[in-house]
Amino acid sequence: MNDADKIKNFLEKETQHTIKSEKENLIDSGILDSFSMIKLLNFIETELGTHPNMEELTSRNFDTTETISDMVRRWKQHGNKTD
């Protein structure tokens, strides 16, 4: 299972909402709010093994599972891995 699938599965379990596509706007649809975003960041650190780049923590990067997984990929490429 790739990171995008893990993120989607986590969010569906956490929010009890079905995400219809990787381009569905999670914020506008009410799936992702500030509390679930914090839980998602914790999941990314503990399960996907990377630390956030604080400069990228904008709502635009959390719009869709696609933008979230792209952001995580960038963090991993830049060496933001957890020890």
Protein backbone atom coordinates (compact mmCIF):
# COMPACT_ATOMS: atom_id res chain seq x y z
CA MET A 1 0.00 0.00 0.00
CA ASN A 2 1.45 3.39 -0.97
CA ASP A 3 1.38 6.57 1.12
CA ALA A 4 -1.62 8.00 -0.75
CA ASP A 5 -3.68 4.89 0.04
CA LYS A 6 -2.56 4.95 3.68
CA ILE A 7 -3.56 8.62 3.99
CA LYS A 8 -6.95 7.95 2.38
CA ASN A 9 -7.61 4.94 4.62
CA PHE A 10 -6.59 6.86 7.74
CA LEU A 11 -8.84 9.79 6.90
CA GLU A 12 -11.81 7.58 6.08
CA LYS A 13 -11.44 5.69 9.35
CA GLU A 14 -10.81 8.84 11.39
CA THR A 15 -13.63 10.93 9.93
CA GLN A 16 -16.15 8.17 9.10
CA HIS A 17 -16.51 9.65 5.59
CA THR A 18 -15.90 7.96 2.26
CA ILE A 19 -13.46 9.84 0.06
CA LYS A 20 -14.73 9.47 -3.48
CA SER A 21 -11.55 10.41 -5.35
CA GLU A 22 -8.02 11.65 -4.71
CA LYS A 23 -9.14 15.05 -6.04
CA GLU A 24 -12.13 15.48 -3.71
CA ASN A 25 -11.72 18.69 -1.72
CA LEU A 26 -11.47 17.47 1.86
CA ILE A 27 -11.81 20.88 3.49
CA ASP A 28 -14.76 22.15 1.43
CA SER A 29 -16.61 18.85 1.87
CA GLY A 30 -16.14 19.00 5.66
CA ILE A 31 -14.09 15.80 5.83
CA LEU A 32 -10.97 17.52 7.11
CA ASP A 33 -11.09 20.10 9.90
CA SER A 34 -8.38 21.51 12.15
CA PHE A 35 -8.68 18.70 14.70
CA SER A 36 -8.49 15.91 12.11
CA MET A 37 -5.59 17.76 10.45
CA ILE A 38 -3.60 17.53 13.69
CA LYS A 39 -4.37 13.82 13.92
CA LEU A 40 -3.33 13.42 10.28
CA LEU A 41 0.01 15.14 10.93
CA ASN A 42 0.62 12.77 13.85
CA PHE A 43 -0.21 9.82 11.58
CA ILE A 44 2.19 11.10 8.93
CA GLU A 45 4.99 11.35 11.46
CA THR A 46 4.40 8.03 13.20
CA GLU A 47 3.20 5.82 10.35
CA LEU A 48 4.80 7.36 7.27
CA GLY A 49 8.05 8.27 8.99
CA THR A 50 8.49 11.90 8.07
CA HIS A 51 8.40 15.27 9.86
CA PRO A 52 6.42 18.17 8.43
CA ASN A 53 8.04 21.11 6.74
CA MET A 54 6.35 23.93 8.64
CA GLU A 55 6.41 26.23 5.60
CA GLU A 56 4.12 23.83 3.74
CA LEU A 57 1.44 23.60 6.42
CA THR A 58 -1.12 25.60 4.50
CA SER A 59 -4.73 24.69 3.83
CA ARG A 60 -3.98 24.46 0.11
CA ASN A 61 -1.65 21.49 0.76
CA PHE A 62 -4.46 19.71 2.62
CA ASP A 63 -7.19 20.20 0.00
CA THR A 64 -7.13 16.65 -1.37
CA THR A 65 -5.51 13.31 -0.63
CA GLU A 66 -3.46 13.97 -3.78
CA THR A 67 -2.02 17.25 -2.46
CA ILE A 68 -1.37 15.68 0.95
CA SER A 69 0.51 12.71 -0.51
CA ASP A 70 2.49 15.04 -2.81
CA MET A 71 3.47 17.09 0.23
CA VAL A 72 4.54 13.98 2.16
CA ARG A 73 6.60 12.85 -0.83
CA ARG A 74 8.41 16.21 -0.89
CA TRP A 75 9.13 15.94 2.84
CA LYS A 76 10.63 12.52 2.37
CA GLN A 77 12.70 13.66 -0.60
CA HIS A 78 14.12 16.53 1.46
CA GLY A 79 15.17 14.24 4.28
CA ASN A 80 12.49 15.12 6.84
CA LYS A 81 12.44 11.51 8.00
CA THR A 82 11.82 10.53 11.61
CA ASP A 83 14.50 8.55 13.41
